[in-house]
Amino acid sequence: MSKKVFVDLTHPFSADIPRWPYFDKPVIDNKHSLAKGGVLTQYIGCTMHTGTHCDAPRHVMEKEFDGKRARYTHEMPVDAYTGDAVCLEIEIETWGLITGKHLDDACRRANIKPEELEGMIVCLNTGMHRKFDDSKEYYHYSCGTGIEAGKWFVEHKVKCVAMDMQALDHPLHTAMGNNGMTRMNLVGASGRPITEEYIEKFGEEAYAEFDKELYIKLHGQEAYDKKFGELEAIGCWGTWEPCHKEMLGHGIVGVENLGGNLDKVSGKRFRFYCFPLRWYLGDGSMARCAAEIDEDDLNDVPERTYQYGGF
C-alpha cells in the first residue's frame, strides 16, 4: 500500500470568486498592515454560501420530515460532512436533470453497488467544477439534481452529498428560474428567459418538472402530489429546490461547488474531510474540503489551475 496523500477539493477563495447570481461580492479589507502596524489583520464580509460551502437544513426549510425545527449549522454533528466516500462520475448532457438512472450508471462505472452507499459521503463529478466562473455556462446552464435524485439519496441512506455544481438542485429548480421568492427567470444567452430556452430545447413536458403550476396543468394534482407531496406536506413548495429539501429534511447534508483537484479522485473511494464553522444559528458555512487517498490510487490528470480573478 502506498502512502496516504491529501487532495484539495476546494475552489480558492478571494474577493473575485464567482458567486451565485444575486449574491453580494465579498469584501476583503485590512484592519492592520505590516507597514503601519507591524501585523497583517484582514476583514472578510461575504455571504457564507460563496465558493465551496456546506448547507444546513435551516437554509431551506422551517422543519424537517420528523416534524422538528430544521437544524442550524451548530446543531449538526461535527462529522456530519466527513466520512468514507466515493466520487461518482455523472454522464449527462448540458443542462440535463440528474435522475436515478444517471446515479445507478455512475455507481456501476465506479464499481460500487447503490446499497453500499449507506452512511457514506457521495461526491458527484459532473465536470461542472472545471467551468467554475462568473458565467452563464456555470450558473444558468448547469446540469443538476431534483426530486428524483433527492429521493434516491434518501433511499440509499447516504450521509452527505457533495456536488461540483452551483447548487444541490438544477438551476431551474432555484430562483434563477421560475421558483422561489424572487423568481428571477434570468435572461439567457439568446436574450430570452432561460425557462423559454429550456422549453425550446427539451420541450414543455420536460420543463414542467421545474414548474408547479405547469406540472399540475399537464399531469394533474394527483400526479403532482405523488411526486412532490412529501415536501408540500411539511409546508415546502415542491418544485423549489426539492433535492435540497428532500436531502436536508432527512438529515443528509450537502456541499456545493466542490472543486479543486476533484478529477484526481473521480471514480475512486477515499476518506472525505469537510468541516464548516461552528457557527451558532448558522444556515451553512464556507468550508475546506479534502480527500485522503492512497497516492498510487490517484488518477493521472494535470493539477487544477484557475483562470478567474487573476489566478
C-alpha atoms as a PDB file:
ATOM      1  CA  MET A   1       0.000   0.000   0.000  1.00  0.00           C
ATOM      2  CA  SER A   2       1.363   3.431  -0.934  1.00  0.00           C
ATOM      3  CA  LYS A   3       1.428   6.413   1.379  1.00  0.00           C
ATOM      4  CA  LYS A   4      -1.699   8.438   2.030  1.00  0.00           C
ATOM      5  CA  VAL A   5      -1.947  11.901   0.482  1.00  0.00           C
ATOM      6  CA  PHE A   6      -4.426  14.746   0.805  1.00  0.00           C
ATOM      7  CA  VAL A   7      -6.121  16.172  -2.272  1.00  0.00           C
ATOM      8  CA  ASP A   8      -7.706  19.628  -2.082  1.00  0.00           C
ATOM      9  CA  LEU A   9     -11.317  19.631  -3.341  1.00  0.00           C
ATOM     10  CA  THR A  10     -11.962  23.323  -2.683  1.00  0.00           C
ATOM     11  CA  HIS A  11     -12.183  26.272  -5.058  1.00  0.00           C
ATOM     12  CA  PRO A  12      -9.769  29.075  -3.997  1.00  0.00           C
ATOM     13  CA  PHE A  13     -11.459  31.971  -2.222  1.00  0.00           C
ATOM     14  CA  SER A  14     -10.875  35.654  -2.996  1.00  0.00           C
ATOM     15  CA  ALA A  15     -12.839  38.886  -3.402  1.00  0.00           C
ATOM     16  CA  ASP A  16     -13.215  37.976  -7.083  1.00  0.00           C
ATOM     17  CA  ILE A  17     -14.542  34.469  -6.592  1.00  0.00           C
ATOM     18  CA  PRO A  18     -17.510  33.591  -8.844  1.00  0.00           C
ATOM     19  CA  ARG A  19     -20.741  33.683  -6.889  1.00  0.00           C
ATOM     20  CA  TRP A  20     -24.419  32.906  -7.258  1.00  0.00           C
ATOM     21  CA  PRO A  21     -26.240  35.442  -9.496  1.00  0.00           C
ATOM     22  CA  TYR A  22     -27.785  37.618  -6.780  1.00  0.00           C
ATOM     23  CA  PHE A  23     -25.108  37.242  -4.088  1.00  0.00           C
ATOM     24  CA  ASP A  24     -23.004  40.172  -2.938  1.00  0.00           C
ATOM     25  CA  LYS A  25     -19.347  40.469  -3.847  1.00  0.00           C
ATOM     26  CA  PRO A  26     -17.035  39.527  -0.948  1.00  0.00           C
ATOM     27  CA  VAL A  27     -15.363  42.473   0.747  1.00  0.00           C
ATOM     28  CA  ILE A  28     -11.791  41.941   1.924  1.00  0.00           C
ATOM     29  CA  ASP A  29     -10.041  44.774   3.743  1.00  0.00           C
ATOM     30  CA  ASN A  30      -7.063  45.273   6.039  1.00  0.00           C
ATOM     31  CA  LYS A  31      -7.566  46.299   9.651  1.00  0.00           C
ATOM     32  CA  HIS A  32      -3.788  46.352  10.178  1.00  0.00           C
ATOM     33  CA  SER A  33      -0.945  46.381   7.683  1.00  0.00           C
ATOM     34  CA  LEU A  34       2.654  45.303   8.175  1.00  0.00           C
ATOM     35  CA  ALA A  35       3.981  48.697   7.143  1.00  0.00           C
ATOM     36  CA  LYS A  36       1.821  50.643   9.598  1.00  0.00           C
ATOM     37  CA  GLY A  37       1.128  48.296  12.482  1.00  0.00           C
ATOM     38  CA  GLY A  38       3.683  45.537  12.154  1.00  0.00           C
ATOM     39  CA  VAL A  39       0.995  42.877  11.698  1.00  0.00           C
ATOM     40  CA  LEU A  40      -1.379  41.905   8.909  1.00  0.00           C
ATOM     41  CA  THR A  41      -5.007  41.571  10.055  1.00  0.00           C
ATOM     42  CA  GLN A  42      -7.724  41.216   7.440  1.00  0.00           C
ATOM     43  CA  TYR A  43     -11.508  41.570   7.439  1.00  0.00           C
ATOM     44  CA  ILE A  44     -13.842  39.484   5.290  1.00  0.00           C
ATOM     45  CA  GLY A  45     -17.506  40.219   4.711  1.00  0.00           C
ATOM     46  CA  CYS A  46     -19.463  37.879   2.437  1.00  0.00           C
ATOM     47  CA  THR A  47     -22.392  35.516   2.098  1.00  0.00           C
ATOM     48  CA  MET A  48     -21.490  32.163   3.638  1.00  0.00           C
ATOM     49  CA  HIS A  49     -22.868  30.338   0.580  1.00  0.00           C
ATOM     50  CA  THR A  50     -19.935  31.512  -1.521  1.00  0.00           C
ATOM     51  CA  GLY A  51     -17.500  29.167  -3.233  1.00  0.00           C
ATOM     52  CA  THR A  52     -17.135  25.674  -1.771  1.00  0.00           C
ATOM     53  CA  HIS A  53     -19.545  25.560   1.151  1.00  0.00           C
ATOM     54  CA  CYS A  54     -21.881  23.452   3.298  1.00  0.00           C
ATOM     55  CA  ASP A  55     -25.649  23.704   3.630  1.00  0.00           C
ATOM     56  CA  ALA A  56     -27.516  23.056   6.879  1.00  0.00           C
ATOM     57  CA  PRO A  57     -31.232  22.121   6.956  1.00  0.00           C
ATOM     58  CA  ARG A  58     -32.260  25.564   8.247  1.00  0.00           C
ATOM     59  CA  HIS A  59     -31.012  27.099   4.997  1.00  0.00           C
ATOM     60  CA  VAL A  60     -34.074  25.920   3.054  1.00  0.00           C
ATOM     61  CA  MET A  61     -36.781  24.778   5.456  1.00  0.00           C
ATOM     62  CA  GLU A  62     -38.528  25.567   8.720  1.00  0.00           C
ATOM     63  CA  LYS A  63     -38.930  21.946   9.817  1.00  0.00           C
ATOM     64  CA  GLU A  64     -37.571  18.558   8.834  1.00  0.00           C
ATOM     65  CA  PHE A  65     -39.616  15.472   7.981  1.00  0.00           C
ATOM     66  CA  ASP A  66     -39.570  14.295  11.597  1.00  0.00           C
ATOM     67  CA  GLY A  67     -41.668  17.364  12.447  1.00  0.00           C
ATOM     68  CA  LYS A  68     -38.908  19.060  14.424  1.00  0.00           C
ATOM     69  CA  ARG A  69     -37.494  22.513  13.716  1.00  0.00           C
ATOM     70  CA  ALA A  70     -34.889  22.374  10.973  1.00  0.00           C
ATOM     71  CA  ARG A  71     -31.383  22.331  12.427  1.00  0.00           C
ATOM     72  CA  TYR A  72     -28.809  25.097  12.247  1.00  0.00           C
ATOM     73  CA  THR A  73     -25.129  24.553  11.468  1.00  0.00           C
ATOM     74  CA  HIS A  74     -24.092  24.327  15.120  1.00  0.00           C
ATOM     75  CA  GLU A  75     -26.655  21.577  15.725  1.00  0.00           C
ATOM     76  CA  MET A  76     -25.197  19.192  13.149  1.00  0.00           C
ATOM     77  CA  PRO A  77     -22.713  16.534  14.340  1.00  0.00           C
ATOM     78  CA  VAL A  78     -19.091  17.637  13.997  1.00  0.00           C
ATOM     79  CA  ASP A  79     -18.516  14.814  11.480  1.00  0.00           C
ATOM     80  CA  ALA A  80     -21.735  15.386   9.527  1.00  0.00           C
ATOM     81  CA  TYR A  81     -19.813  16.247   6.353  1.00  0.00           C
ATOM     82  CA  THR A  82     -16.896  13.842   6.897  1.00  0.00           C
ATOM     83  CA  GLY A  83     -16.501  10.114   6.302  1.00  0.00           C
ATOM     84  CA  ASP A  84     -15.751   7.314   3.873  1.00  0.00           C
ATOM     85  CA  ALA A  85     -16.528   8.489   0.373  1.00  0.00           C
ATOM     86  CA  VAL A  86     -16.811   7.641  -3.279  1.00  0.00           C
ATOM     87  CA  CYS A  87     -16.690  10.051  -6.213  1.00  0.00           C
ATOM     88  CA  LEU A  88     -19.276   9.201  -8.870  1.00  0.00           C
ATOM     89  CA  GLU A  89     -18.757  10.450 -12.419  1.00  0.00           C
ATOM     90  CA  ILE A  90     -22.077  11.612 -13.831  1.00  0.00           C
ATOM     91  CA  GLU A  91     -22.507  11.343 -17.590  1.00  0.00           C
ATOM     92  CA  ILE A  92     -25.208  13.780 -18.670  1.00  0.00           C
ATOM     93  CA  GLU A  93     -25.924  16.346 -21.358  1.00  0.00           C
ATOM     94  CA  THR A  94     -25.577  20.080 -20.824  1.00  0.00           C
ATOM     95  CA  TRP A  95     -28.423  21.421 -18.654  1.00  0.00           C
ATOM     96  CA  GLY A  96     -29.681  17.894 -18.013  1.00  0.00           C
ATOM     97  CA  LEU A  97     -31.668  16.794 -14.963  1.00  0.00           C
ATOM     98  CA  ILE A  98     -29.807  14.128 -12.989  1.00  0.00           C
ATOM     99  CA  THR A  99     -32.086  11.201 -12.088  1.00  0.00           C
ATOM    100  CA  GLY A 100     -31.786   7.790 -10.536  1.00  0.00           C
ATOM    101  CA  LYS A 101     -30.715   6.221 -13.826  1.00  0.00           C
ATOM    102  CA  HIS A 102     -27.693   8.559 -14.002  1.00  0.00           C
ATOM    103  CA  LEU A 103     -26.742   7.733 -10.415  1.00  0.00           C
ATOM    104  CA  ASP A 104     -27.186   3.990 -10.954  1.00  0.00           C
ATOM    105  CA  ASP A 105     -24.995   4.184 -14.051  1.00  0.00           C
ATOM    106  CA  ALA A 106     -22.323   6.139 -12.181  1.00  0.00           C
ATOM    107  CA  CYS A 107     -22.294   3.531  -9.409  1.00  0.00           C
ATOM    108  CA  ARG A 108     -21.837   0.754 -11.954  1.00  0.00           C
ATOM    109  CA  ARG A 109     -18.850   2.517 -13.515  1.00  0.00           C
ATOM    110  CA  ALA A 110     -17.354   3.187 -10.063  1.00  0.00           C
ATOM    111  CA  ASN A 111     -17.761  -0.500  -9.196  1.00  0.00           C
ATOM    112  CA  ILE A 112     -19.948   0.169  -6.181  1.00  0.00           C
ATOM    113  CA  LYS A 113     -23.491  -1.016  -5.557  1.00  0.00           C
ATOM    114  CA  PRO A 114     -26.028   1.650  -4.517  1.00  0.00           C
ATOM    115  CA  GLU A 115     -26.839  -0.337  -1.381  1.00  0.00           C
ATOM    116  CA  GLU A 116     -23.161   0.001  -0.328  1.00  0.00           C
ATOM    117  CA  LEU A 117     -23.558   3.786  -0.080  1.00  0.00           C
ATOM    118  CA  GLU A 118     -25.312   3.674   3.286  1.00  0.00           C
ATOM    119  CA  GLY A 119     -23.522   6.012   5.686  1.00  0.00           C
ATOM    120  CA  MET A 120     -21.085   7.225   3.021  1.00  0.00           C
ATOM    121  CA  ILE A 121     -20.252  10.609   1.534  1.00  0.00           C
ATOM    122  CA  VAL A 122     -21.180  10.706  -2.151  1.00  0.00           C
ATOM    123  CA  CYS A 123     -19.213  13.185  -4.265  1.00  0.00           C
ATOM    124  CA  LEU A 124     -20.593  13.979  -7.714  1.00  0.00           C
ATOM    125  CA  ASN A 125     -18.249  14.868 -10.562  1.00  0.00           C
ATOM    126  CA  THR A 126     -20.331  16.193 -13.442  1.00  0.00           C
ATOM    127  CA  GLY A 127     -17.473  18.175 -14.937  1.00  0.00           C
ATOM    128  CA  MET A 128     -19.077  21.476 -13.945  1.00  0.00           C
ATOM    129  CA  HIS A 129     -16.263  22.223 -11.477  1.00  0.00           C
ATOM    130  CA  ARG A 130     -13.942  22.725 -14.463  1.00  0.00           C
ATOM    131  CA  LYS A 131     -16.234  25.534 -15.638  1.00  0.00           C
ATOM    132  CA  PHE A 132     -16.345  27.404 -12.318  1.00  0.00           C
ATOM    133  CA  ASP A 133     -16.507  31.057 -13.340  1.00  0.00           C
ATOM    134  CA  ASP A 134     -18.733  34.131 -13.387  1.00  0.00           C
ATOM    135  CA  SER A 135     -20.587  32.810 -16.413  1.00  0.00           C
ATOM    136  CA  LYS A 136     -23.954  31.683 -17.714  1.00  0.00           C
ATOM    137  CA  GLU A 137     -22.351  28.368 -18.587  1.00  0.00           C
ATOM    138  CA  TYR A 138     -21.648  27.602 -14.916  1.00  0.00           C
ATOM    139  CA  TYR A 139     -24.811  29.030 -13.388  1.00  0.00           C
ATOM    140  CA  HIS A 140     -27.681  29.209 -15.919  1.00  0.00           C
ATOM    141  CA  TYR A 141     -26.849  26.094 -17.945  1.00  0.00           C
ATOM    142  CA  SER A 142     -25.514  23.710 -15.315  1.00  0.00           C
ATOM    143  CA  CYS A 143     -26.836  20.197 -15.080  1.00  0.00           C
ATOM    144  CA  GLY A 144     -28.335  19.429 -11.698  1.00  0.00           C
ATOM    145  CA  THR A 145     -30.419  17.284  -9.395  1.00  0.00           C
ATOM    146  CA  GLY A 146     -34.103  17.354  -8.497  1.00  0.00           C
ATOM    147  CA  ILE A 147     -36.714  15.455  -6.535  1.00  0.00           C
ATOM    148  CA  GLU A 148     -35.862  12.051  -8.011  1.00  0.00           C
ATOM    149  CA  ALA A 149     -32.167  12.309  -7.154  1.00  0.00           C
ATOM    150  CA  GLY A 150     -33.058  13.544  -3.673  1.00  0.00           C
ATOM    151  CA  LYS A 151     -35.279  10.511  -3.100  1.00  0.00           C
ATOM    152  CA  TRP A 152     -32.522   8.256  -4.455  1.00  0.00           C
ATOM    153  CA  PHE A 153     -30.068   9.603  -1.860  1.00  0.00           C
ATOM    154  CA  VAL A 154     -32.647   9.085   0.888  1.00  0.00           C
ATOM    155  CA  GLU A 155     -33.468   5.558  -0.297  1.00  0.00           C
ATOM    156  CA  HIS A 156     -29.802   4.584  -0.188  1.00  0.00           C
ATOM    157  CA  LYS A 157     -29.244   6.257   3.196  1.00  0.00           C
ATOM    158  CA  VAL A 158     -26.183   8.270   2.244  1.00  0.00           C
ATOM    159  CA  LYS A 159     -24.670  10.549   4.864  1.00  0.00           C
ATOM    160  CA  CYS A 160     -23.778  13.597   2.776  1.00  0.00           C
ATOM    161  CA  VAL A 161     -23.724  14.580  -0.899  1.00  0.00           C
ATOM    162  CA  ALA A 162     -21.004  16.900  -2.201  1.00  0.00           C
ATOM    163  CA  MET A 163     -21.694  18.256  -5.688  1.00  0.00           C
ATOM    164  CA  ASP A 164     -19.411  20.089  -8.120  1.00  0.00           C
ATOM    165  CA  MET A 165     -22.280  22.305  -9.277  1.00  0.00           C
ATOM    166  CA  GLN A 166     -23.714  25.707  -8.383  1.00  0.00           C
ATOM    167  CA  ALA A 167     -26.313  24.195  -6.045  1.00  0.00           C
ATOM    168  CA  LEU A 168     -27.820  20.979  -4.716  1.00  0.00           C
ATOM    169  CA  ASP A 169     -30.530  21.497  -7.340  1.00  0.00           C
ATOM    170  CA  HIS A 170     -30.788  22.078 -11.061  1.00  0.00           C
ATOM    171  CA  PRO A 171     -30.716  25.854 -11.803  1.00  0.00           C
ATOM    172  CA  LEU A 172     -34.363  25.819 -12.940  1.00  0.00           C
ATOM    173  CA  HIS A 173     -35.368  24.407  -9.554  1.00  0.00           C
ATOM    174  CA  THR A 174     -33.863  27.560  -7.992  1.00  0.00           C
ATOM    175  CA  ALA A 175     -34.719  31.257  -8.094  1.00  0.00           C
ATOM    176  CA  MET A 176     -32.695  31.510 -11.312  1.00  0.00           C
ATOM    177  CA  GLY A 177     -35.781  30.034 -12.924  1.00  0.00           C
ATOM    178  CA  ASN A 178     -39.450  30.451 -12.011  1.00  0.00           C
ATOM    179  CA  ASN A 179     -39.179  29.295  -8.404  1.00  0.00           C
ATOM    180  CA  GLY A 180     -38.563  30.897  -5.051  1.00  0.00           C
ATOM    181  CA  MET A 181     -39.146  34.266  -3.512  1.00  0.00           C
ATOM    182  CA  THR A 182     -37.546  36.225  -6.339  1.00  0.00           C
ATOM    183  CA  ARG A 183     -38.426  34.092  -9.406  1.00  0.00           C
ATOM    184  CA  MET A 184     -35.675  35.823 -11.362  1.00  0.00           C
ATOM    185  CA  ASN A 185     -36.185  33.806 -14.567  1.00  0.00           C
ATOM    186  CA  LEU A 186     -32.814  35.067 -15.716  1.00  0.00           C
ATOM    187  CA  VAL A 187     -32.103  36.108 -19.281  1.00  0.00           C
ATOM    188  CA  GLY A 188     -30.131  33.508 -21.204  1.00  0.00           C
ATOM    189  CA  ALA A 189     -27.589  33.747 -23.998  1.00  0.00           C
ATOM    190  CA  SER A 190     -30.350  34.200 -26.588  1.00  0.00           C
ATOM    191  CA  GLY A 191     -31.717  37.267 -24.827  1.00  0.00           C
ATOM    192  CA  ARG A 192     -34.837  35.361 -23.747  1.00  0.00           C
ATOM    193  CA  PRO A 193     -35.674  33.946 -20.291  1.00  0.00           C
ATOM    194  CA  ILE A 194     -33.938  30.661 -19.545  1.00  0.00           C
ATOM    195  CA  THR A 195     -37.308  28.974 -18.961  1.00  0.00           C
ATOM    196  CA  GLU A 196     -38.231  29.672 -22.597  1.00  0.00           C
ATOM    197  CA  GLU A 197     -34.845  28.447 -23.782  1.00  0.00           C
ATOM    198  CA  TYR A 198     -35.266  25.193 -21.845  1.00  0.00           C
ATOM    199  CA  ILE A 199     -38.716  24.559 -23.307  1.00  0.00           C
ATOM    200  CA  GLU A 200     -37.348  25.161 -26.796  1.00  0.00           C
ATOM    201  CA  LYS A 201     -34.509  22.690 -26.192  1.00  0.00           C
ATOM    202  CA  PHE A 202     -36.231  19.937 -24.207  1.00  0.00           C
ATOM    203  CA  GLY A 203     -39.974  20.516 -24.571  1.00  0.00           C
ATOM    204  CA  GLU A 204     -42.758  21.712 -22.301  1.00  0.00           C
ATOM    205  CA  GLU A 205     -43.236  18.376 -20.561  1.00  0.00           C
ATOM    206  CA  ALA A 206     -39.573  18.207 -19.562  1.00  0.00           C
ATOM    207  CA  TYR A 207     -39.704  21.787 -18.271  1.00  0.00           C
ATOM    208  CA  ALA A 208     -42.820  21.008 -16.193  1.00  0.00           C
ATOM    209  CA  GLU A 209     -40.545  19.187 -13.703  1.00  0.00           C
ATOM    210  CA  PHE A 210     -39.432  22.668 -12.582  1.00  0.00           C
ATOM    211  CA  ASP A 211     -42.790  24.464 -12.597  1.00  0.00           C
ATOM    212  CA  LYS A 212     -45.530  23.545 -10.127  1.00  0.00           C
ATOM    213  CA  GLU A 213     -48.408  25.178 -11.993  1.00  0.00           C
ATOM    214  CA  LEU A 214     -47.406  23.704 -15.346  1.00  0.00           C
ATOM    215  CA  TYR A 215     -46.822  20.246 -13.863  1.00  0.00           C
ATOM    216  CA  ILE A 216     -50.340  20.212 -12.400  1.00  0.00           C
ATOM    217  CA  LYS A 217     -51.789  21.548 -15.676  1.00  0.00           C
ATOM    218  CA  LEU A 218     -50.130  18.778 -17.725  1.00  0.00           C
ATOM    219  CA  HIS A 219     -50.241  15.843 -15.305  1.00  0.00           C
ATOM    220  CA  GLY A 220     -52.913  16.672 -12.738  1.00  0.00           C
ATOM    221  CA  GLN A 221     -52.892  17.315  -8.997  1.00  0.00           C
ATOM    222  CA  GLU A 222     -52.734  13.615  -8.112  1.00  0.00           C
ATOM    223  CA  ALA A 223     -49.528  13.108 -10.110  1.00  0.00           C
ATOM    224  CA  TYR A 224     -48.006  16.236  -8.575  1.00  0.00           C
ATOM    225  CA  ASP A 225     -48.867  15.067  -5.065  1.00  0.00           C
ATOM    226  CA  LYS A 226     -47.339  11.655  -5.755  1.00  0.00           C
ATOM    227  CA  LYS A 227     -44.039  13.232  -6.788  1.00  0.00           C
ATOM    228  CA  PHE A 228     -43.809  16.338  -4.597  1.00  0.00           C
ATOM    229  CA  GLY A 229     -46.451  15.717  -1.916  1.00  0.00           C
ATOM    230  CA  GLU A 230     -43.982  14.772   0.833  1.00  0.00           C
ATOM    231  CA  LEU A 231     -42.469  18.253   0.560  1.00  0.00           C
ATOM    232  CA  GLU A 232     -45.815  20.044   0.347  1.00  0.00           C
ATOM    233  CA  ALA A 233     -46.976  18.181   3.481  1.00  0.00           C
ATOM    234  CA  ILE A 234     -44.353  19.986   5.563  1.00  0.00           C
ATOM    235  CA  GLY A 235     -45.017  23.373   4.012  1.00  0.00           C
ATOM    236  CA  CYS A 236     -42.425  23.328   1.214  1.00  0.00           C
ATOM    237  CA  TRP A 237     -43.043  24.468  -2.352  1.00  0.00           C
ATOM    238  CA  GLY A 238     -42.454  21.229  -4.243  1.00  0.00           C
ATOM    239  CA  THR A 239     -40.559  22.450  -7.300  1.00  0.00           C
ATOM    240  CA  TRP A 240     -38.406  24.964  -5.399  1.00  0.00           C
ATOM    241  CA  GLU A 241     -35.092  23.301  -4.547  1.00  0.00           C
ATOM    242  CA  PRO A 242     -36.637  19.858  -3.964  1.00  0.00           C
ATOM    243  CA  CYS A 243     -33.325  17.977  -3.815  1.00  0.00           C
ATOM    244  CA  HIS A 244     -32.060  20.358  -1.118  1.00  0.00           C
ATOM    245  CA  LYS A 245     -35.174  19.796   0.946  1.00  0.00           C
ATOM    246  CA  GLU A 246     -35.532  16.065   0.343  1.00  0.00           C
ATOM    247  CA  MET A 247     -31.940  15.538   1.463  1.00  0.00           C
ATOM    248  CA  LEU A 248     -31.656  18.048   4.279  1.00  0.00           C
ATOM    249  CA  GLY A 249     -35.116  17.240   5.611  1.00  0.00           C
ATOM    250  CA  HIS A 250     -33.978  13.651   6.094  1.00  0.00           C
ATOM    251  CA  GLY A 251     -30.693  14.660   7.723  1.00  0.00           C
ATOM    252  CA  ILE A 252     -28.499  14.230   4.622  1.00  0.00           C
ATOM    253  CA  VAL A 253     -26.291  17.317   4.475  1.00  0.00           C
ATOM    254  CA  GLY A 254     -24.821  18.781   1.321  1.00  0.00           C
ATOM    255  CA  VAL A 255     -21.775  20.553  -0.087  1.00  0.00           C
ATOM    256  CA  GLU A 256     -21.969  22.843  -3.128  1.00  0.00           C
ATOM    257  CA  ASN A 257     -19.281  23.992  -5.565  1.00  0.00           C
ATOM    258  CA  LEU A 258     -16.938  21.109  -4.878  1.00  0.00           C
ATOM    259  CA  GLY A 259     -13.803  21.713  -6.911  1.00  0.00           C
ATOM    260  CA  GLY A 260     -10.021  21.787  -6.725  1.00  0.00           C
ATOM    261  CA  ASN A 261      -8.439  18.528  -7.873  1.00  0.00           C
ATOM    262  CA  LEU A 262     -11.681  16.550  -7.953  1.00  0.00           C
ATOM    263  CA  ASP A 263     -10.638  14.821 -11.179  1.00  0.00           C
ATOM    264  CA  LYS A 264      -7.726  13.184  -9.316  1.00  0.00           C
ATOM    265  CA  VAL A 265     -10.163  11.168  -7.192  1.00  0.00           C
ATOM    266  CA  SER A 266     -13.011  10.732  -9.672  1.00  0.00           C
ATOM    267  CA  GLY A 267     -14.340   7.181  -9.648  1.00  0.00           C
ATOM    268  CA  LYS A 268     -12.326   6.390  -6.507  1.00  0.00           C
ATOM    269  CA  ARG A 269     -13.016   5.615  -2.865  1.00  0.00           C
ATOM    270  CA  PHE A 270     -11.315   7.715  -0.188  1.00  0.00           C
ATOM    271  CA  ARG A 271     -11.778   9.493   3.135  1.00  0.00           C
ATOM    272  CA  PHE A 272     -13.575  12.819   2.727  1.00  0.00           C
ATOM    273  CA  TYR A 273     -12.964  15.685   5.165  1.00  0.00           C
ATOM    274  CA  CYS A 274     -15.112  18.785   5.379  1.00  0.00           C
ATOM    275  CA  PHE A 275     -15.686  20.973   8.422  1.00  0.00           C
ATOM    276  CA  PRO A 276     -17.930  24.058   8.477  1.00  0.00           C
ATOM    277  CA  LEU A 277     -17.507  26.773  11.071  1.00  0.00           C
ATOM    278  CA  ARG A 278     -19.085  26.027  14.445  1.00  0.00           C
ATOM    279  CA  TRP A 279     -21.466  28.885  13.727  1.00  0.00           C
ATOM    280  CA  TYR A 280     -24.265  29.341  16.243  1.00  0.00           C
ATOM    281  CA  LEU A 281     -27.600  29.675  14.366  1.00  0.00           C
ATOM    282  CA  GLY A 282     -25.776  29.360  11.039  1.00  0.00           C
ATOM    283  CA  ASP A 283     -27.553  28.298   7.856  1.00  0.00           C
ATOM    284  CA  GLY A 284     -24.361  26.930   6.266  1.00  0.00           C
ATOM    285  CA  SER A 285     -20.695  27.759   6.040  1.00  0.00           C
ATOM    286  CA  MET A 286     -17.777  28.088   3.687  1.00  0.00           C
ATOM    287  CA  ALA A 287     -15.507  25.097   4.205  1.00  0.00           C
ATOM    288  CA  ARG A 288     -12.263  23.422   3.179  1.00  0.00           C
ATOM    289  CA  CYS A 289     -12.819  20.019   1.594  1.00  0.00           C
ATOM    290  CA  ALA A 290     -10.156  17.386   1.051  1.00  0.00           C
ATOM    291  CA  ALA A 291      -9.781  13.729   0.151  1.00  0.00           C
ATOM    292  CA  GLU A 292      -7.331  11.366   1.871  1.00  0.00           C
ATOM    293  CA  ILE A 293      -6.373   8.616  -0.557  1.00  0.00           C
ATOM    294  CA  ASP A 294      -3.546   6.212  -1.398  1.00  0.00           C
ATOM    295  CA  GLU A 295      -1.083   8.034  -3.637  1.00  0.00           C
ATOM    296  CA  ASP A 296      -0.981   5.131  -6.109  1.00  0.00           C
ATOM    297  CA  ASP A 297      -4.772   5.309  -6.455  1.00  0.00           C
ATOM    298  CA  LEU A 298      -4.829   8.869  -7.797  1.00  0.00           C
ATOM    299  CA  ASN A 299      -5.937   9.483 -11.374  1.00  0.00           C
ATOM    300  CA  ASP A 300      -3.096  10.711 -13.582  1.00  0.00           C
ATOM    301  CA  VAL A 301      -4.513  14.101 -14.521  1.00  0.00           C
ATOM    302  CA  PRO A 302      -2.950  17.594 -14.509  1.00  0.00           C
ATOM    303  CA  GLU A 303      -3.010  19.769 -11.401  1.00  0.00           C
ATOM    304  CA  ARG A 304      -6.023  22.061 -11.425  1.00  0.00           C
ATOM    305  CA  THR A 305      -5.388  25.666 -12.409  1.00  0.00           C
ATOM    306  CA  TYR A 306      -7.801  28.620 -12.204  1.00  0.00           C
ATOM    307  CA  GLN A 307      -8.263  31.488 -14.638  1.00  0.00           C
ATOM    308  CA  TYR A 308     -10.836  33.705 -12.943  1.00  0.00           C
ATOM    309  CA  GLY A 309      -9.910  36.831 -10.998  1.00  0.00           C
ATOM    310  CA  GLY A 310      -6.214  36.772 -11.883  1.00  0.00           C
ATOM    311  CA  PHE A 311      -5.479  33.153 -10.900  1.00  0.00           C
END
